[in-house]
N, C-alpha and C. Protein backbone atom coordinates (compact mmCIF):
# COMPACT_ATOMS: atom_id res chain seq x y z
N UNK A 1 0.86 -1.20 0.00
CA UNK A 1 0.00 0.00 0.00
C UNK A 1 0.88 1.24 0.00
N UNK A 2 0.56 2.20 -0.84
CA UNK A 2 1.31 3.45 -0.92
C UNK A 2 0.34 4.60 -1.12
N UNK A 3 0.50 5.69 -0.32
CA UNK A 3 -0.36 6.88 -0.44
C UNK A 3 -1.84 6.50 -0.33
N UNK A 4 -2.15 5.53 0.54
CA UNK A 4 -3.53 5.17 0.76
C UNK A 4 -4.14 4.29 -0.31
N UNK A 5 -3.34 3.87 -1.29
CA UNK A 5 -3.86 3.05 -2.38
C UNK A 5 -3.27 1.65 -2.29
N UNK A 6 -4.10 0.66 -2.59
CA UNK A 6 -3.60 -0.71 -2.60
C UNK A 6 -2.96 -1.01 -3.95
N UNK A 7 -2.00 -1.93 -3.92
CA UNK A 7 -1.33 -2.36 -5.13
C UNK A 7 -1.77 -3.79 -5.42
N UNK A 8 -2.50 -3.96 -6.51
CA UNK A 8 -2.96 -5.28 -6.90
C UNK A 8 -1.93 -5.93 -7.81
N UNK A 9 -1.26 -6.97 -7.31
CA UNK A 9 -0.27 -7.68 -8.12
C UNK A 9 -0.97 -8.61 -9.11
N UNK A 10 -2.05 -9.26 -8.65
CA UNK A 10 -2.87 -10.12 -9.49
C UNK A 10 -4.32 -9.76 -9.27
N UNK A 11 -5.11 -9.87 -10.32
CA UNK A 11 -6.54 -9.56 -10.20
C UNK A 11 -7.32 -10.38 -11.23
N UNK A 12 -8.51 -10.77 -10.82
CA UNK A 12 -9.44 -11.46 -11.73
C UNK A 12 -8.84 -12.73 -12.33
N UNK A 13 -8.12 -13.49 -11.51
CA UNK A 13 -7.54 -14.75 -11.97
C UNK A 13 -8.55 -15.88 -11.71
N UNK A 14 -8.92 -16.58 -12.74
CA UNK A 14 -9.85 -17.71 -12.62
C UNK A 14 -9.32 -18.83 -13.50
N UNK A 15 -8.79 -19.87 -12.89
CA UNK A 15 -8.15 -20.93 -13.67
C UNK A 15 -8.28 -22.27 -12.95
N UNK A 16 -8.20 -23.33 -13.72
CA UNK A 16 -8.21 -24.68 -13.18
C UNK A 16 -7.21 -25.50 -13.96
N UNK A 17 -6.43 -26.30 -13.25
CA UNK A 17 -5.45 -27.19 -13.88
C UNK A 17 -5.85 -28.62 -13.56
N UNK A 18 -5.96 -29.44 -14.58
CA UNK A 18 -6.39 -30.82 -14.40
C UNK A 18 -5.21 -31.73 -14.07
N UNK A 19 -5.47 -32.81 -13.40
CA UNK A 19 -4.44 -33.77 -13.04
C UNK A 19 -3.74 -34.28 -14.30
N UNK A 20 -2.42 -34.30 -14.26
CA UNK A 20 -1.63 -34.79 -15.37
C UNK A 20 -1.38 -33.79 -16.48
N UNK A 21 -1.92 -32.60 -16.35
CA UNK A 21 -1.79 -31.57 -17.38
C UNK A 21 -0.48 -30.80 -17.21
N UNK A 22 0.11 -30.38 -18.32
CA UNK A 22 1.26 -29.49 -18.30
C UNK A 22 0.80 -28.11 -18.76
N UNK A 23 0.93 -27.13 -17.88
CA UNK A 23 0.43 -25.78 -18.15
C UNK A 23 1.57 -24.78 -18.01
N UNK A 24 1.75 -23.94 -19.01
CA UNK A 24 2.74 -22.87 -18.96
C UNK A 24 2.05 -21.57 -18.57
N UNK A 25 2.69 -20.84 -17.67
CA UNK A 25 2.26 -19.49 -17.32
C UNK A 25 3.24 -18.54 -17.97
N UNK A 26 2.78 -17.83 -18.97
CA UNK A 26 3.65 -17.05 -19.85
C UNK A 26 3.34 -15.57 -19.68
N UNK A 27 4.39 -14.75 -19.76
CA UNK A 27 4.16 -13.32 -19.69
C UNK A 27 5.47 -12.57 -19.51
N UNK A 28 5.47 -11.26 -19.71
CA UNK A 28 6.69 -10.47 -19.56
C UNK A 28 7.09 -10.35 -18.10
N UNK A 29 8.31 -9.89 -17.86
CA UNK A 29 8.78 -9.67 -16.50
C UNK A 29 7.86 -8.69 -15.79
N UNK A 30 7.53 -8.99 -14.54
CA UNK A 30 6.66 -8.12 -13.76
C UNK A 30 5.18 -8.34 -13.98
N UNK A 31 4.84 -9.38 -14.74
CA UNK A 31 3.42 -9.59 -15.04
C UNK A 31 2.69 -10.37 -13.95
N UNK A 32 3.45 -10.90 -12.96
CA UNK A 32 2.82 -11.61 -11.86
C UNK A 32 2.94 -13.12 -11.94
N UNK A 33 3.78 -13.62 -12.84
CA UNK A 33 3.89 -15.07 -13.04
C UNK A 33 4.36 -15.79 -11.78
N UNK A 34 5.46 -15.33 -11.20
CA UNK A 34 6.00 -16.00 -10.03
C UNK A 34 5.08 -15.85 -8.83
N UNK A 35 4.42 -14.70 -8.73
CA UNK A 35 3.45 -14.50 -7.64
C UNK A 35 2.32 -15.50 -7.77
N UNK A 36 1.82 -15.70 -8.98
CA UNK A 36 0.74 -16.66 -9.20
C UNK A 36 1.20 -18.06 -8.83
N UNK A 37 2.41 -18.43 -9.22
CA UNK A 37 2.91 -19.76 -8.89
C UNK A 37 3.00 -19.95 -7.37
N UNK A 38 3.48 -18.92 -6.68
CA UNK A 38 3.57 -19.00 -5.22
C UNK A 38 2.22 -19.17 -4.56
N UNK A 39 1.20 -18.52 -5.10
CA UNK A 39 -0.16 -18.67 -4.57
C UNK A 39 -0.69 -20.07 -4.84
N UNK A 40 -0.48 -20.57 -6.05
CA UNK A 40 -0.99 -21.90 -6.40
C UNK A 40 -0.33 -22.98 -5.56
N UNK A 41 0.93 -22.76 -5.18
CA UNK A 41 1.66 -23.74 -4.39
C UNK A 41 1.42 -23.59 -2.89
N UNK A 42 0.72 -22.55 -2.50
CA UNK A 42 0.49 -22.32 -1.08
C UNK A 42 1.67 -21.73 -0.36
N UNK A 43 2.64 -21.20 -1.10
CA UNK A 43 3.78 -20.53 -0.48
C UNK A 43 3.42 -19.11 -0.06
N UNK A 44 2.45 -18.52 -0.72
CA UNK A 44 1.92 -17.20 -0.39
C UNK A 44 0.42 -17.31 -0.21
N UNK A 45 -0.16 -16.30 0.44
CA UNK A 45 -1.60 -16.29 0.68
C UNK A 45 -2.23 -15.12 -0.07
N UNK A 46 -3.34 -15.35 -0.76
CA UNK A 46 -4.02 -14.25 -1.44
C UNK A 46 -4.78 -13.37 -0.45
N UNK A 47 -4.91 -12.09 -0.79
CA UNK A 47 -5.69 -11.19 0.06
C UNK A 47 -7.18 -11.46 -0.11
N UNK A 48 -7.57 -11.91 -1.29
CA UNK A 48 -8.95 -12.33 -1.53
C UNK A 48 -8.92 -13.53 -2.47
N UNK A 49 -10.04 -14.23 -2.53
CA UNK A 49 -10.13 -15.35 -3.45
C UNK A 49 -9.82 -16.67 -2.76
N UNK A 50 -9.83 -17.74 -3.56
CA UNK A 50 -9.68 -19.09 -3.04
C UNK A 50 -8.74 -19.89 -3.93
N UNK A 51 -7.83 -20.61 -3.30
CA UNK A 51 -6.89 -21.45 -4.03
C UNK A 51 -7.02 -22.88 -3.50
N UNK A 52 -7.18 -23.83 -4.40
CA UNK A 52 -7.31 -25.23 -4.03
C UNK A 52 -6.14 -26.01 -4.63
N UNK A 53 -5.47 -26.79 -3.81
CA UNK A 53 -4.36 -27.63 -4.25
C UNK A 53 -4.61 -29.05 -3.78
N UNK A 54 -4.58 -29.99 -4.71
CA UNK A 54 -4.80 -31.40 -4.37
C UNK A 54 -6.09 -31.57 -3.58
N UNK A 55 -7.13 -30.85 -4.05
CA UNK A 55 -8.48 -30.92 -3.51
C UNK A 55 -8.59 -30.37 -2.09
N UNK A 56 -7.61 -29.57 -1.67
CA UNK A 56 -7.66 -28.94 -0.35
C UNK A 56 -7.68 -27.43 -0.51
N UNK A 57 -8.54 -26.77 0.27
CA UNK A 57 -8.63 -25.31 0.28
C UNK A 57 -7.47 -24.76 1.09
N UNK A 58 -6.49 -24.16 0.40
CA UNK A 58 -5.29 -23.69 1.09
C UNK A 58 -5.59 -22.59 2.09
N UNK A 59 -6.61 -21.78 1.81
CA UNK A 59 -6.95 -20.69 2.71
C UNK A 59 -7.49 -21.15 4.04
N UNK A 60 -7.97 -22.38 4.10
CA UNK A 60 -8.53 -22.92 5.35
C UNK A 60 -7.49 -23.70 6.15
N UNK A 61 -6.23 -23.67 5.69
CA UNK A 61 -5.18 -24.45 6.32
C UNK A 61 -4.13 -23.54 6.94
N UNK A 62 -3.49 -24.02 8.01
CA UNK A 62 -2.38 -23.29 8.60
C UNK A 62 -1.14 -23.46 7.74
N UNK A 63 -0.12 -22.67 8.01
CA UNK A 63 1.13 -22.78 7.25
C UNK A 63 1.73 -24.17 7.41
N UNK A 64 1.68 -24.71 8.63
CA UNK A 64 2.22 -26.05 8.86
C UNK A 64 1.43 -27.10 8.09
N UNK A 65 0.12 -26.94 8.05
CA UNK A 65 -0.72 -27.90 7.32
C UNK A 65 -0.44 -27.83 5.82
N UNK A 66 -0.22 -26.62 5.31
CA UNK A 66 0.11 -26.48 3.89
C UNK A 66 1.45 -27.16 3.58
N UNK A 67 2.42 -26.98 4.48
CA UNK A 67 3.72 -27.62 4.30
C UNK A 67 3.57 -29.14 4.34
N UNK A 68 2.74 -29.64 5.23
CA UNK A 68 2.52 -31.09 5.31
C UNK A 68 1.85 -31.62 4.05
N UNK A 69 0.94 -30.82 3.47
CA UNK A 69 0.27 -31.23 2.24
C UNK A 69 1.27 -31.33 1.10
N UNK A 70 2.21 -30.37 1.03
CA UNK A 70 3.20 -30.38 -0.05
C UNK A 70 4.21 -31.51 0.09
N UNK A 71 4.52 -31.89 1.33
CA UNK A 71 5.57 -32.87 1.57
C UNK A 71 5.26 -34.20 0.88
N UNK A 72 6.15 -34.58 -0.02
CA UNK A 72 5.98 -35.85 -0.71
C UNK A 72 4.99 -35.84 -1.86
N UNK A 73 4.22 -34.75 -2.00
CA UNK A 73 3.21 -34.70 -3.05
C UNK A 73 3.46 -33.57 -4.05
N UNK A 74 4.32 -32.63 -3.68
CA UNK A 74 4.59 -31.46 -4.52
C UNK A 74 6.10 -31.29 -4.66
N UNK A 75 6.56 -31.03 -5.88
CA UNK A 75 7.97 -30.78 -6.13
C UNK A 75 8.16 -29.37 -6.69
N UNK A 76 9.39 -28.86 -6.54
CA UNK A 76 9.71 -27.51 -7.00
C UNK A 76 11.04 -27.51 -7.73
N UNK A 77 11.10 -26.73 -8.82
CA UNK A 77 12.36 -26.43 -9.50
C UNK A 77 12.41 -24.92 -9.68
N UNK A 78 13.50 -24.31 -9.20
CA UNK A 78 13.62 -22.86 -9.25
C UNK A 78 14.76 -22.44 -10.18
N UNK A 79 14.71 -21.18 -10.58
CA UNK A 79 15.75 -20.63 -11.44
C UNK A 79 17.11 -20.65 -10.75
N UNK A 80 17.12 -20.46 -9.43
CA UNK A 80 18.37 -20.31 -8.68
C UNK A 80 18.87 -21.63 -8.08
N UNK A 81 18.33 -22.76 -8.52
CA UNK A 81 18.75 -24.11 -8.14
C UNK A 81 18.40 -24.47 -6.69
N UNK A 82 18.83 -23.62 -5.73
CA UNK A 82 18.53 -23.80 -4.31
C UNK A 82 18.99 -25.16 -3.78
N UNK A 83 20.20 -25.53 -4.14
CA UNK A 83 20.81 -26.72 -3.56
C UNK A 83 21.49 -26.34 -2.25
N UNK A 84 21.61 -27.29 -1.34
CA UNK A 84 22.31 -27.06 -0.09
C UNK A 84 23.81 -27.14 -0.36
N UNK A 85 24.55 -26.05 -0.15
CA UNK A 85 25.95 -25.98 -0.62
C UNK A 85 26.89 -26.95 0.08
N UNK A 86 26.59 -27.34 1.32
CA UNK A 86 27.47 -28.24 2.04
C UNK A 86 27.17 -29.70 1.82
N UNK A 87 26.23 -30.01 0.95
CA UNK A 87 25.85 -31.40 0.68
C UNK A 87 26.23 -31.77 -0.75
N UNK A 88 26.60 -33.01 -0.95
CA UNK A 88 26.91 -33.50 -2.30
C UNK A 88 25.63 -33.61 -3.13
N UNK A 89 25.82 -33.85 -4.41
CA UNK A 89 24.66 -34.05 -5.28
C UNK A 89 23.79 -35.19 -4.76
N UNK A 90 24.41 -36.29 -4.37
CA UNK A 90 23.66 -37.43 -3.85
C UNK A 90 22.89 -37.05 -2.59
N UNK A 91 23.54 -36.35 -1.68
CA UNK A 91 22.89 -35.97 -0.42
C UNK A 91 21.75 -34.99 -0.66
N UNK A 92 21.90 -34.07 -1.61
CA UNK A 92 20.83 -33.12 -1.92
C UNK A 92 19.58 -33.84 -2.42
N UNK A 93 19.77 -34.85 -3.27
CA UNK A 93 18.63 -35.57 -3.82
C UNK A 93 18.03 -36.54 -2.81
N UNK A 94 18.89 -37.13 -1.98
CA UNK A 94 18.41 -38.10 -1.00
C UNK A 94 17.67 -37.45 0.16
N UNK A 95 17.99 -36.19 0.46
CA UNK A 95 17.44 -35.55 1.66
C UNK A 95 15.92 -35.59 1.74
N UNK A 96 15.18 -35.15 0.69
CA UNK A 96 13.72 -35.20 0.81
C UNK A 96 13.18 -36.62 0.96
N UNK A 97 13.87 -37.58 0.39
CA UNK A 97 13.46 -38.98 0.54
C UNK A 97 13.67 -39.44 1.97
N UNK A 98 14.78 -39.04 2.57
CA UNK A 98 15.06 -39.41 3.95
C UNK A 98 14.07 -38.75 4.91
N UNK A 99 13.77 -37.47 4.64
CA UNK A 99 12.80 -36.76 5.49
C UNK A 99 11.43 -37.43 5.40
N UNK A 100 11.10 -37.93 4.21
CA UNK A 100 9.83 -38.60 4.02
C UNK A 100 9.82 -40.04 4.49
N UNK A 101 10.95 -40.50 5.06
CA UNK A 101 11.00 -41.85 5.60
C UNK A 101 11.08 -42.94 4.56
N UNK A 102 11.55 -42.58 3.35
CA UNK A 102 11.67 -43.59 2.29
C UNK A 102 12.80 -44.56 2.57
N UNK A 103 12.58 -45.82 2.28
CA UNK A 103 13.63 -46.82 2.38
C UNK A 103 14.60 -46.66 1.20
N UNK A 104 15.84 -47.00 1.43
CA UNK A 104 16.86 -46.98 0.37
C UNK A 104 16.91 -45.62 -0.33
N UNK A 105 16.86 -44.55 0.47
CA UNK A 105 16.83 -43.19 -0.10
C UNK A 105 18.06 -42.90 -0.95
N UNK A 106 19.23 -43.29 -0.47
CA UNK A 106 20.46 -42.99 -1.21
C UNK A 106 20.51 -43.77 -2.52
N UNK A 107 20.04 -44.99 -2.50
CA UNK A 107 20.01 -45.79 -3.72
C UNK A 107 19.06 -45.18 -4.74
N UNK A 108 17.88 -44.74 -4.28
CA UNK A 108 16.93 -44.10 -5.19
C UNK A 108 17.51 -42.81 -5.76
N UNK A 109 18.18 -42.04 -4.89
CA UNK A 109 18.78 -40.78 -5.33
C UNK A 109 19.87 -41.04 -6.37
N UNK A 110 20.67 -42.05 -6.14
CA UNK A 110 21.73 -42.38 -7.10
C UNK A 110 21.14 -42.78 -8.44
N UNK A 111 20.05 -43.51 -8.42
CA UNK A 111 19.39 -43.90 -9.66
C UNK A 111 18.86 -42.71 -10.43
N UNK A 112 18.28 -41.75 -9.72
CA UNK A 112 17.76 -40.55 -10.37
C UNK A 112 18.89 -39.71 -10.96
N UNK A 113 19.98 -39.58 -10.23
CA UNK A 113 21.11 -38.81 -10.75
C UNK A 113 21.70 -39.48 -11.98
N UNK A 114 21.72 -40.79 -11.99
CA UNK A 114 22.17 -41.48 -13.20
C UNK A 114 21.22 -41.21 -14.35
N UNK A 115 19.92 -41.14 -14.05
CA UNK A 115 18.92 -40.89 -15.09
C UNK A 115 19.08 -39.52 -15.73
N UNK A 116 19.55 -38.54 -14.93
CA UNK A 116 19.75 -37.19 -15.48
C UNK A 116 21.20 -36.98 -15.93
N UNK A 117 21.95 -38.07 -16.03
CA UNK A 117 23.30 -37.98 -16.59
C UNK A 117 24.38 -37.59 -15.62
N UNK A 118 24.15 -37.75 -14.33
CA UNK A 118 25.14 -37.35 -13.33
C UNK A 118 25.58 -38.53 -12.46
N UNK A 119 25.54 -39.71 -13.02
CA UNK A 119 25.92 -40.89 -12.26
C UNK A 119 27.37 -40.88 -11.81
N UNK A 120 28.21 -40.09 -12.49
CA UNK A 120 29.62 -40.01 -12.12
C UNK A 120 29.92 -38.80 -11.24
N UNK A 121 28.86 -38.07 -10.85
CA UNK A 121 29.08 -36.82 -10.10
C UNK A 121 28.40 -36.86 -8.72
N UNK A 122 28.12 -38.04 -8.23
CA UNK A 122 27.35 -38.18 -6.99
C UNK A 122 27.99 -37.46 -5.81
N UNK A 123 29.32 -37.50 -5.72
CA UNK A 123 30.02 -36.97 -4.55
C UNK A 123 30.49 -35.54 -4.72
N UNK A 124 30.05 -34.88 -5.79
CA UNK A 124 30.46 -33.49 -6.02
C UNK A 124 29.54 -32.53 -5.28
N UNK A 125 30.13 -31.49 -4.71
CA UNK A 125 29.36 -30.41 -4.09
C UNK A 125 28.83 -29.49 -5.19
N UNK A 126 27.77 -28.71 -4.90
CA UNK A 126 27.23 -27.80 -5.92
C UNK A 126 28.27 -26.90 -6.55
N UNK A 127 29.22 -26.39 -5.75
CA UNK A 127 30.23 -25.47 -6.31
C UNK A 127 31.16 -26.15 -7.30
N UNK A 128 31.17 -27.48 -7.29
CA UNK A 128 32.01 -28.24 -8.21
C UNK A 128 31.27 -28.62 -9.49
N UNK A 129 30.03 -28.17 -9.61
CA UNK A 129 29.19 -28.49 -10.76
C UNK A 129 28.90 -27.23 -11.56
N UNK A 130 28.70 -27.40 -12.86
CA UNK A 130 28.29 -26.27 -13.70
C UNK A 130 26.84 -25.90 -13.39
N UNK A 131 26.40 -24.76 -13.93
CA UNK A 131 25.01 -24.35 -13.72
C UNK A 131 24.03 -25.39 -14.23
N UNK A 132 24.30 -25.92 -15.43
CA UNK A 132 23.42 -26.93 -15.98
C UNK A 132 23.39 -28.19 -15.15
N UNK A 133 24.56 -28.57 -14.61
CA UNK A 133 24.61 -29.76 -13.76
C UNK A 133 23.88 -29.53 -12.45
N UNK A 134 24.02 -28.34 -11.87
CA UNK A 134 23.29 -28.03 -10.65
C UNK A 134 21.78 -28.11 -10.87
N UNK A 135 21.33 -27.61 -12.02
CA UNK A 135 19.90 -27.66 -12.28
C UNK A 135 19.43 -29.09 -12.51
N UNK A 136 20.29 -29.93 -13.07
CA UNK A 136 19.94 -31.35 -13.21
C UNK A 136 19.79 -32.02 -11.84
N UNK A 137 20.65 -31.65 -10.90
CA UNK A 137 20.50 -32.14 -9.53
C UNK A 137 19.17 -31.66 -8.95
N UNK A 138 18.84 -30.40 -9.19
CA UNK A 138 17.59 -29.85 -8.68
C UNK A 138 16.38 -30.56 -9.29
N UNK A 139 16.46 -30.89 -10.57
CA UNK A 139 15.37 -31.63 -11.22
C UNK A 139 15.24 -33.03 -10.62
N UNK A 140 16.37 -33.70 -10.43
CA UNK A 140 16.34 -35.03 -9.81
C UNK A 140 15.73 -34.96 -8.42
N UNK A 141 16.11 -33.95 -7.65
CA UNK A 141 15.55 -33.79 -6.30
C UNK A 141 14.05 -33.54 -6.35
N UNK A 142 13.60 -32.72 -7.29
CA UNK A 142 12.17 -32.40 -7.39
C UNK A 142 11.34 -33.63 -7.71
N UNK A 143 11.89 -34.52 -8.53
CA UNK A 143 11.14 -35.71 -8.93
C UNK A 143 11.39 -36.91 -8.02
N UNK A 144 12.27 -36.76 -7.03
CA UNK A 144 12.68 -37.89 -6.21
C UNK A 144 11.50 -38.57 -5.53
N UNK A 145 10.59 -37.77 -5.01
CA UNK A 145 9.44 -38.34 -4.31
C UNK A 145 8.26 -38.67 -5.21
N UNK A 146 8.48 -38.62 -6.54
CA UNK A 146 7.41 -38.85 -7.52
C UNK A 146 6.18 -38.00 -7.18
N UNK A 147 6.33 -36.67 -7.24
CA UNK A 147 5.26 -35.77 -6.82
C UNK A 147 4.03 -35.85 -7.74
N UNK A 148 2.90 -35.49 -7.18
CA UNK A 148 1.68 -35.39 -7.96
C UNK A 148 1.64 -34.09 -8.75
N UNK A 149 2.26 -33.05 -8.20
CA UNK A 149 2.31 -31.74 -8.85
C UNK A 149 3.74 -31.22 -8.79
N UNK A 150 4.23 -30.68 -9.90
CA UNK A 150 5.54 -30.05 -9.93
C UNK A 150 5.39 -28.60 -10.36
N UNK A 151 5.93 -27.68 -9.56
CA UNK A 151 5.96 -26.26 -9.89
C UNK A 151 7.38 -25.90 -10.32
N UNK A 152 7.51 -25.25 -11.47
CA UNK A 152 8.82 -24.85 -11.98
C UNK A 152 8.79 -23.36 -12.32
N UNK A 153 9.67 -22.60 -11.67
CA UNK A 153 9.71 -21.14 -11.85
C UNK A 153 10.96 -20.76 -12.63
N UNK A 154 10.80 -20.48 -13.92
CA UNK A 154 11.92 -20.09 -14.80
C UNK A 154 13.10 -21.06 -14.63
N UNK A 155 12.88 -22.36 -14.79
CA UNK A 155 13.94 -23.33 -14.51
C UNK A 155 15.14 -23.26 -15.43
N UNK A 156 15.01 -22.58 -16.56
CA UNK A 156 16.14 -22.45 -17.48
C UNK A 156 16.66 -21.01 -17.54
N UNK A 157 16.18 -20.16 -16.65
CA UNK A 157 16.50 -18.74 -16.73
C UNK A 157 17.96 -18.41 -16.56
N UNK A 158 18.71 -19.24 -15.81
CA UNK A 158 20.13 -18.97 -15.56
C UNK A 158 21.05 -19.83 -16.42
N UNK A 159 20.49 -20.48 -17.44
CA UNK A 159 21.27 -21.43 -18.23
C UNK A 159 21.42 -20.97 -19.67
N UNK A 160 22.48 -21.45 -20.33
CA UNK A 160 22.63 -21.18 -21.75
C UNK A 160 21.60 -22.01 -22.52
N UNK A 161 21.47 -21.75 -23.81
CA UNK A 161 20.40 -22.35 -24.59
C UNK A 161 20.49 -23.87 -24.61
N UNK A 162 21.70 -24.42 -24.80
CA UNK A 162 21.86 -25.87 -24.87
C UNK A 162 21.51 -26.53 -23.53
N UNK A 163 22.02 -25.96 -22.43
CA UNK A 163 21.72 -26.51 -21.11
C UNK A 163 20.23 -26.38 -20.81
N UNK A 164 19.63 -25.27 -21.22
CA UNK A 164 18.20 -25.07 -20.99
C UNK A 164 17.36 -26.11 -21.70
N UNK A 165 17.72 -26.42 -22.95
CA UNK A 165 16.97 -27.44 -23.69
C UNK A 165 17.12 -28.81 -23.03
N UNK A 166 18.31 -29.10 -22.53
CA UNK A 166 18.51 -30.41 -21.89
C UNK A 166 17.68 -30.50 -20.61
N UNK A 167 17.64 -29.42 -19.84
CA UNK A 167 16.85 -29.43 -18.61
C UNK A 167 15.37 -29.65 -18.93
N UNK A 168 14.86 -28.99 -19.95
CA UNK A 168 13.45 -29.16 -20.28
C UNK A 168 13.17 -30.56 -20.81
N UNK A 169 14.10 -31.12 -21.58
CA UNK A 169 13.94 -32.51 -22.03
C UNK A 169 13.85 -33.45 -20.82
N UNK A 170 14.72 -33.23 -19.84
CA UNK A 170 14.70 -34.05 -18.63
C UNK A 170 13.39 -33.88 -17.87
N UNK A 171 12.96 -32.64 -17.71
CA UNK A 171 11.74 -32.38 -16.95
C UNK A 171 10.53 -33.03 -17.60
N UNK A 172 10.40 -32.86 -18.90
CA UNK A 172 9.22 -33.42 -19.57
C UNK A 172 9.31 -34.94 -19.64
N UNK A 173 10.53 -35.48 -19.77
CA UNK A 173 10.68 -36.93 -19.77
C UNK A 173 10.30 -37.54 -18.44
N UNK A 174 10.77 -36.94 -17.34
CA UNK A 174 10.42 -37.43 -16.01
C UNK A 174 8.94 -37.22 -15.73
N UNK A 175 8.43 -36.08 -16.17
CA UNK A 175 6.99 -35.81 -15.97
C UNK A 175 6.14 -36.84 -16.69
N UNK A 176 6.52 -37.21 -17.91
CA UNK A 176 5.76 -38.21 -18.65
C UNK A 176 5.84 -39.58 -17.98
N UNK A 177 7.00 -39.90 -17.43
CA UNK A 177 7.17 -41.20 -16.77
C UNK A 177 6.35 -41.28 -15.50
N UNK A 178 6.34 -40.21 -14.73
CA UNK A 178 5.65 -40.22 -13.44
C UNK A 178 4.17 -39.90 -13.60
N UNK A 179 3.84 -39.07 -14.60
CA UNK A 179 2.45 -38.69 -14.83
C UNK A 179 1.97 -37.56 -13.95
N UNK A 180 2.90 -36.72 -13.47
CA UNK A 180 2.50 -35.64 -12.57
C UNK A 180 1.99 -34.43 -13.36
N UNK A 181 1.31 -33.56 -12.65
CA UNK A 181 0.87 -32.28 -13.18
C UNK A 181 2.06 -31.32 -13.15
N UNK A 182 2.22 -30.53 -14.21
CA UNK A 182 3.34 -29.58 -14.30
C UNK A 182 2.81 -28.18 -14.52
N UNK A 183 3.22 -27.26 -13.66
CA UNK A 183 2.95 -25.83 -13.84
C UNK A 183 4.27 -25.13 -14.00
N UNK A 184 4.47 -24.53 -15.15
CA UNK A 184 5.76 -23.98 -15.54
C UNK A 184 5.65 -22.49 -15.82
N UNK A 185 6.37 -21.69 -15.05
CA UNK A 185 6.46 -20.25 -15.30
C UNK A 185 7.63 -19.99 -16.23
N UNK A 186 7.39 -19.24 -17.29
CA UNK A 186 8.46 -18.95 -18.23
C UNK A 186 8.10 -17.70 -19.04
N UNK A 187 9.12 -17.14 -19.67
CA UNK A 187 8.88 -16.10 -20.67
C UNK A 187 9.28 -16.61 -22.05
N UNK A 188 9.64 -17.89 -22.11
CA UNK A 188 10.16 -18.52 -23.32
C UNK A 188 9.01 -19.17 -24.10
N UNK A 189 8.72 -18.66 -25.28
CA UNK A 189 7.63 -19.18 -26.09
C UNK A 189 7.85 -20.64 -26.49
N UNK A 190 9.11 -21.03 -26.75
CA UNK A 190 9.39 -22.40 -27.15
C UNK A 190 9.10 -23.38 -26.02
N UNK A 191 9.45 -23.00 -24.81
CA UNK A 191 9.15 -23.86 -23.67
C UNK A 191 7.65 -23.97 -23.47
N UNK A 192 6.97 -22.84 -23.58
CA UNK A 192 5.51 -22.85 -23.40
C UNK A 192 4.83 -23.74 -24.42
N UNK A 193 5.38 -23.78 -25.63
CA UNK A 193 4.76 -24.57 -26.69
C UNK A 193 4.80 -26.07 -26.41
N UNK A 194 5.68 -26.50 -25.51
CA UNK A 194 5.77 -27.91 -25.16
C UNK A 194 4.68 -28.33 -24.17
N UNK A 195 3.99 -27.38 -23.60
CA UNK A 195 2.95 -27.69 -22.62
C UNK A 195 1.61 -27.94 -23.31
N UNK A 196 0.68 -28.53 -22.57
CA UNK A 196 -0.65 -28.81 -23.11
C UNK A 196 -1.46 -27.53 -23.29
N UNK A 197 -1.17 -26.55 -22.42
CA UNK A 197 -1.98 -25.33 -22.43
C UNK A 197 -1.14 -24.17 -21.94
N UNK A 198 -1.46 -22.97 -22.40
CA UNK A 198 -0.73 -21.76 -22.03
C UNK A 198 -1.69 -20.76 -21.40
N UNK A 199 -1.29 -20.24 -20.24
CA UNK A 199 -2.02 -19.15 -19.61
C UNK A 199 -1.13 -17.91 -19.70
N UNK A 200 -1.66 -16.85 -20.25
CA UNK A 200 -0.87 -15.63 -20.45
C UNK A 200 -1.28 -14.56 -19.44
N UNK A 201 -0.26 -13.95 -18.84
CA UNK A 201 -0.48 -12.87 -17.88
C UNK A 201 0.13 -11.59 -18.42
N UNK A 202 -0.54 -10.49 -18.14
CA UNK A 202 0.02 -9.17 -18.44
C UNK A 202 -0.57 -8.20 -17.45
N UNK A 203 0.30 -7.51 -16.73
CA UNK A 203 -0.18 -6.57 -15.73
C UNK A 203 -0.99 -7.21 -14.64
N UNK A 204 -0.69 -8.47 -14.31
CA UNK A 204 -1.39 -9.15 -13.24
C UNK A 204 -2.73 -9.72 -13.59
N UNK A 205 -3.08 -9.71 -14.88
CA UNK A 205 -4.37 -10.22 -15.32
C UNK A 205 -4.19 -11.27 -16.39
N UNK A 206 -5.09 -12.23 -16.41
CA UNK A 206 -5.08 -13.24 -17.45
C UNK A 206 -5.53 -12.61 -18.76
N UNK A 207 -4.74 -12.80 -19.81
CA UNK A 207 -5.09 -12.28 -21.12
C UNK A 207 -5.77 -13.32 -21.97
N UNK A 208 -5.29 -14.56 -21.85
CA UNK A 208 -5.91 -15.63 -22.64
C UNK A 208 -5.41 -16.94 -22.11
N UNK A 209 -6.12 -17.99 -22.44
CA UNK A 209 -5.68 -19.35 -22.12
C UNK A 209 -5.89 -20.19 -23.38
N UNK A 210 -4.85 -20.87 -23.81
CA UNK A 210 -4.93 -21.65 -25.05
C UNK A 210 -4.73 -23.11 -24.75
């Protein structure tokens, strides 16, 4: 709020994403894409309106309850990788499996890292990996628990074109294998074209859905 006026970041958003669907949220910088993703994931709370995730009304849940709902059922891939710097690639991927009480977490993590082409880099710390390799670790971690929904916020934004294409190939390949729902924020038309449907934002408002 400034000078007695409210600032609406998003307004008049009405959308539904079906199970197993891949949906791109497309728009210019500042259009509200990341804010919308945060609301859909329950990381932020709307001032008005209702958001439902996995058939649960997020507005009726506490922050702890929202976190419990996401645990094991929701995955995230971010532009900034967000790996734990003091942990190896294997440990970063195994951690959510261990927290979730999965058996053979390290073995599952090693298998996923091999699937994304990092089978020889298990013991490397993030600082010893390239940007593209770090994002591959992040993708493996996001899919480790076989989530029902995956949220990806500009996952190729910090990568060169070749690394970006490889990351998207990995994401869509894993998504097809697991059958999860994918919500992808991007400004890249080519990435958006790989999704089943595109939602366009401009100035915090939906312009069209294709």
